[in-house]
Amino acid sequence: MAKSKSNNFTHDFGWALKMLKQGKRVQRLNWVFGTCITYQKGYPEGISCNKQTAEAWGISEGSEFKLKPYLQMRISNGSYLMWTPSVDDCLSNDWAVVE
């Protein structure tokens, strides 16, 4: 699991977003061990739509599916989800890069 590169949890979300766009993973001070965020570039040119996505959107499996960039979170149990920061995340100064 990821751990902080340093004990320097003093950065704001603007800094964290800059680090994400440089390919680094970030986390907040009080998040459960292993929880972190990464930047996903998406699929702006499109990918082949899988069955689950096709059913959810009512489109044909294999159709071109374009996906804009997004933030993704890995949670402590090893699962992943798309992530949107809360107001608290955006206004906090306790972000750090993880290894």
C-alpha atoms as a PDB file:
ATOM      1  CA  MET A   1       0.000   0.000   0.000  1.00  0.00           C
ATOM      2  CA  ALA A   2       1.054   3.564  -0.564  1.00  0.00           C
ATOM      3  CA  LYS A   3       2.590   5.579   2.202  1.00  0.00           C
ATOM      4  CA  SER A   4       3.509   9.226   2.382  1.00  0.00           C
ATOM      5  CA  LYS A   5       6.890  10.156   0.917  1.00  0.00           C
ATOM      6  CA  SER A   6       7.352  12.594   3.771  1.00  0.00           C
ATOM      7  CA  ASN A   7       5.619  13.913   6.826  1.00  0.00           C
ATOM      8  CA  ASN A   8       5.070  17.192   4.992  1.00  0.00           C
ATOM      9  CA  PHE A   9       1.263  17.238   4.919  1.00  0.00           C
ATOM     10  CA  THR A  10       1.163  21.021   4.478  1.00  0.00           C
ATOM     11  CA  HIS A  11       0.097  21.478   0.860  1.00  0.00           C
ATOM     12  CA  ASP A  12      -3.205  22.787  -0.508  1.00  0.00           C
ATOM     13  CA  PHE A  13      -5.449  21.159  -3.102  1.00  0.00           C
ATOM     14  CA  GLY A  14      -4.095  23.348  -5.929  1.00  0.00           C
ATOM     15  CA  TRP A  15      -0.655  21.890  -5.253  1.00  0.00           C
ATOM     16  CA  ALA A  16      -2.144  18.374  -5.025  1.00  0.00           C
ATOM     17  CA  LEU A  17      -3.860  18.795  -8.408  1.00  0.00           C
ATOM     18  CA  LYS A  18      -0.582  19.960  -9.945  1.00  0.00           C
ATOM     19  CA  MET A  19       1.155  16.852  -8.563  1.00  0.00           C
ATOM     20  CA  LEU A  20      -1.636  14.631  -9.911  1.00  0.00           C
ATOM     21  CA  LYS A  21      -1.240  16.092 -13.399  1.00  0.00           C
ATOM     22  CA  GLN A  22       2.497  15.329 -13.170  1.00  0.00           C
ATOM     23  CA  GLY A  23       1.656  11.646 -12.626  1.00  0.00           C
ATOM     24  CA  LYS A  24       2.075  11.514  -8.856  1.00  0.00           C
ATOM     25  CA  ARG A  25      -0.392  10.088  -6.335  1.00  0.00           C
ATOM     26  CA  VAL A  26      -1.546  12.196  -3.388  1.00  0.00           C
ATOM     27  CA  GLN A  27      -3.303  11.709  -0.069  1.00  0.00           C
ATOM     28  CA  ARG A  28      -4.550  13.677   2.906  1.00  0.00           C
ATOM     29  CA  LEU A  29      -3.121  13.423   6.408  1.00  0.00           C
ATOM     30  CA  ASN A  30      -6.008  11.603   8.112  1.00  0.00           C
ATOM     31  CA  TRP A  31      -6.986   9.236   5.318  1.00  0.00           C
ATOM     32  CA  VAL A  32      -6.831   5.518   6.099  1.00  0.00           C
ATOM     33  CA  PHE A  33      -3.494   3.921   5.181  1.00  0.00           C
ATOM     34  CA  GLY A  34      -3.441   2.955   1.497  1.00  0.00           C
ATOM     35  CA  THR A  35      -6.055   5.497   0.406  1.00  0.00           C
ATOM     36  CA  CYS A  36      -4.811   7.848  -2.299  1.00  0.00           C
ATOM     37  CA  ILE A  37      -5.809   9.717  -5.459  1.00  0.00           C
ATOM     38  CA  THR A  38      -4.453   9.509  -8.996  1.00  0.00           C
ATOM     39  CA  TYR A  39      -5.213  11.380 -12.235  1.00  0.00           C
ATOM     40  CA  GLN A  40      -6.599   9.326 -15.102  1.00  0.00           C
ATOM     41  CA  LYS A  41      -6.232  10.735 -18.610  1.00  0.00           C
ATOM     42  CA  GLY A  42      -9.475   9.153 -19.771  1.00  0.00           C
ATOM     43  CA  TYR A  43     -10.085   8.070 -23.360  1.00  0.00           C
ATOM     44  CA  PRO A  44     -10.698  11.254 -25.382  1.00  0.00           C
ATOM     45  CA  GLU A  45     -10.392   9.330 -28.665  1.00  0.00           C
ATOM     46  CA  GLY A  46     -12.788   6.658 -27.410  1.00  0.00           C
ATOM     47  CA  ILE A  47     -12.593   2.980 -26.525  1.00  0.00           C
ATOM     48  CA  SER A  48     -14.830   0.018 -27.235  1.00  0.00           C
ATOM     49  CA  CYS A  49     -17.743   0.063 -24.802  1.00  0.00           C
ATOM     50  CA  ASN A  50     -17.995  -3.027 -22.566  1.00  0.00           C
ATOM     51  CA  LYS A  51     -21.270  -4.825 -21.781  1.00  0.00           C
ATOM     52  CA  GLN A  52     -21.759  -3.303 -18.327  1.00  0.00           C
ATOM     53  CA  THR A  53     -21.296   0.269 -19.578  1.00  0.00           C
ATOM     54  CA  ALA A  54     -23.443  -0.363 -22.645  1.00  0.00           C
ATOM     55  CA  GLU A  55     -26.316  -1.640 -20.495  1.00  0.00           C
ATOM     56  CA  ALA A  56     -26.006   1.286 -18.071  1.00  0.00           C
ATOM     57  CA  TRP A  57     -26.210   3.859 -20.886  1.00  0.00           C
ATOM     58  CA  GLY A  58     -28.541   2.013 -23.253  1.00  0.00           C
ATOM     59  CA  ILE A  59     -26.019   1.833 -26.087  1.00  0.00           C
ATOM     60  CA  SER A  60     -24.621  -1.061 -28.077  1.00  0.00           C
ATOM     61  CA  GLU A  61     -21.751  -3.090 -26.661  1.00  0.00           C
ATOM     62  CA  GLY A  62     -18.610  -2.279 -28.668  1.00  0.00           C
ATOM     63  CA  SER A  63     -19.770   1.257 -29.486  1.00  0.00           C
ATOM     64  CA  GLU A  64     -17.181   4.012 -29.262  1.00  0.00           C
ATOM     65  CA  PHE A  65     -17.161   5.363 -25.715  1.00  0.00           C
ATOM     66  CA  LYS A  66     -15.317   8.624 -25.023  1.00  0.00           C
ATOM     67  CA  LEU A  67     -14.265   9.401 -21.461  1.00  0.00           C
ATOM     68  CA  LYS A  68     -12.853  12.727 -20.270  1.00  0.00           C
ATOM     69  CA  PRO A  69     -10.025  12.876 -17.701  1.00  0.00           C
ATOM     70  CA  TYR A  70     -11.009  12.152 -14.100  1.00  0.00           C
ATOM     71  CA  LEU A  71      -9.641  11.579 -10.619  1.00  0.00           C
ATOM     72  CA  GLN A  72      -9.582   8.057  -9.234  1.00  0.00           C
ATOM     73  CA  MET A  73      -9.278   6.948  -5.614  1.00  0.00           C
ATOM     74  CA  ARG A  74      -7.781   3.737  -4.303  1.00  0.00           C
ATOM     75  CA  ILE A  75      -9.348   2.906  -0.961  1.00  0.00           C
ATOM     76  CA  SER A  76      -7.770   0.899   1.837  1.00  0.00           C
ATOM     77  CA  ASN A  77      -9.325  -2.445   0.775  1.00  0.00           C
ATOM     78  CA  GLY A  78      -7.703  -2.180  -2.682  1.00  0.00           C
ATOM     79  CA  SER A  79     -10.858  -1.151  -4.577  1.00  0.00           C
ATOM     80  CA  TYR A  80     -10.995   1.848  -6.909  1.00  0.00           C
ATOM     81  CA  LEU A  81     -13.618   4.489  -7.644  1.00  0.00           C
ATOM     82  CA  MET A  82     -14.002   7.743  -9.527  1.00  0.00           C
ATOM     83  CA  TRP A  83     -13.495  10.562  -7.038  1.00  0.00           C
ATOM     84  CA  THR A  84     -14.686  14.138  -6.714  1.00  0.00           C
ATOM     85  CA  PRO A  85     -13.155  16.312  -3.994  1.00  0.00           C
ATOM     86  CA  SER A  86     -15.371  17.704  -1.262  1.00  0.00           C
ATOM     87  CA  VAL A  87     -15.279  21.353  -0.203  1.00  0.00           C
ATOM     88  CA  ASP A  88     -13.192  20.221   2.794  1.00  0.00           C
ATOM     89  CA  ASP A  89     -10.706  18.486   0.455  1.00  0.00           C
ATOM     90  CA  CYS A  90     -10.415  21.630  -1.682  1.00  0.00           C
ATOM     91  CA  LEU A  91      -9.870  23.961   1.280  1.00  0.00           C
ATOM     92  CA  SER A  92      -7.547  21.776   3.363  1.00  0.00           C
ATOM     93  CA  ASN A  93      -3.781  22.197   3.677  1.00  0.00           C
ATOM     94  CA  ASP A  94      -2.883  18.631   4.578  1.00  0.00           C
ATOM     95  CA  TRP A  95      -1.980  17.067   1.207  1.00  0.00           C
ATOM     96  CA  ALA A  96       1.204  15.108   0.450  1.00  0.00           C
ATOM     97  CA  VAL A  97       2.652  12.972  -2.359  1.00  0.00           C
ATOM     98  CA  VAL A  98       2.697   9.189  -1.770  1.00  0.00           C
ATOM     99  CA  GLU A  99       5.238   6.628  -2.988  1.00  0.00           C
END
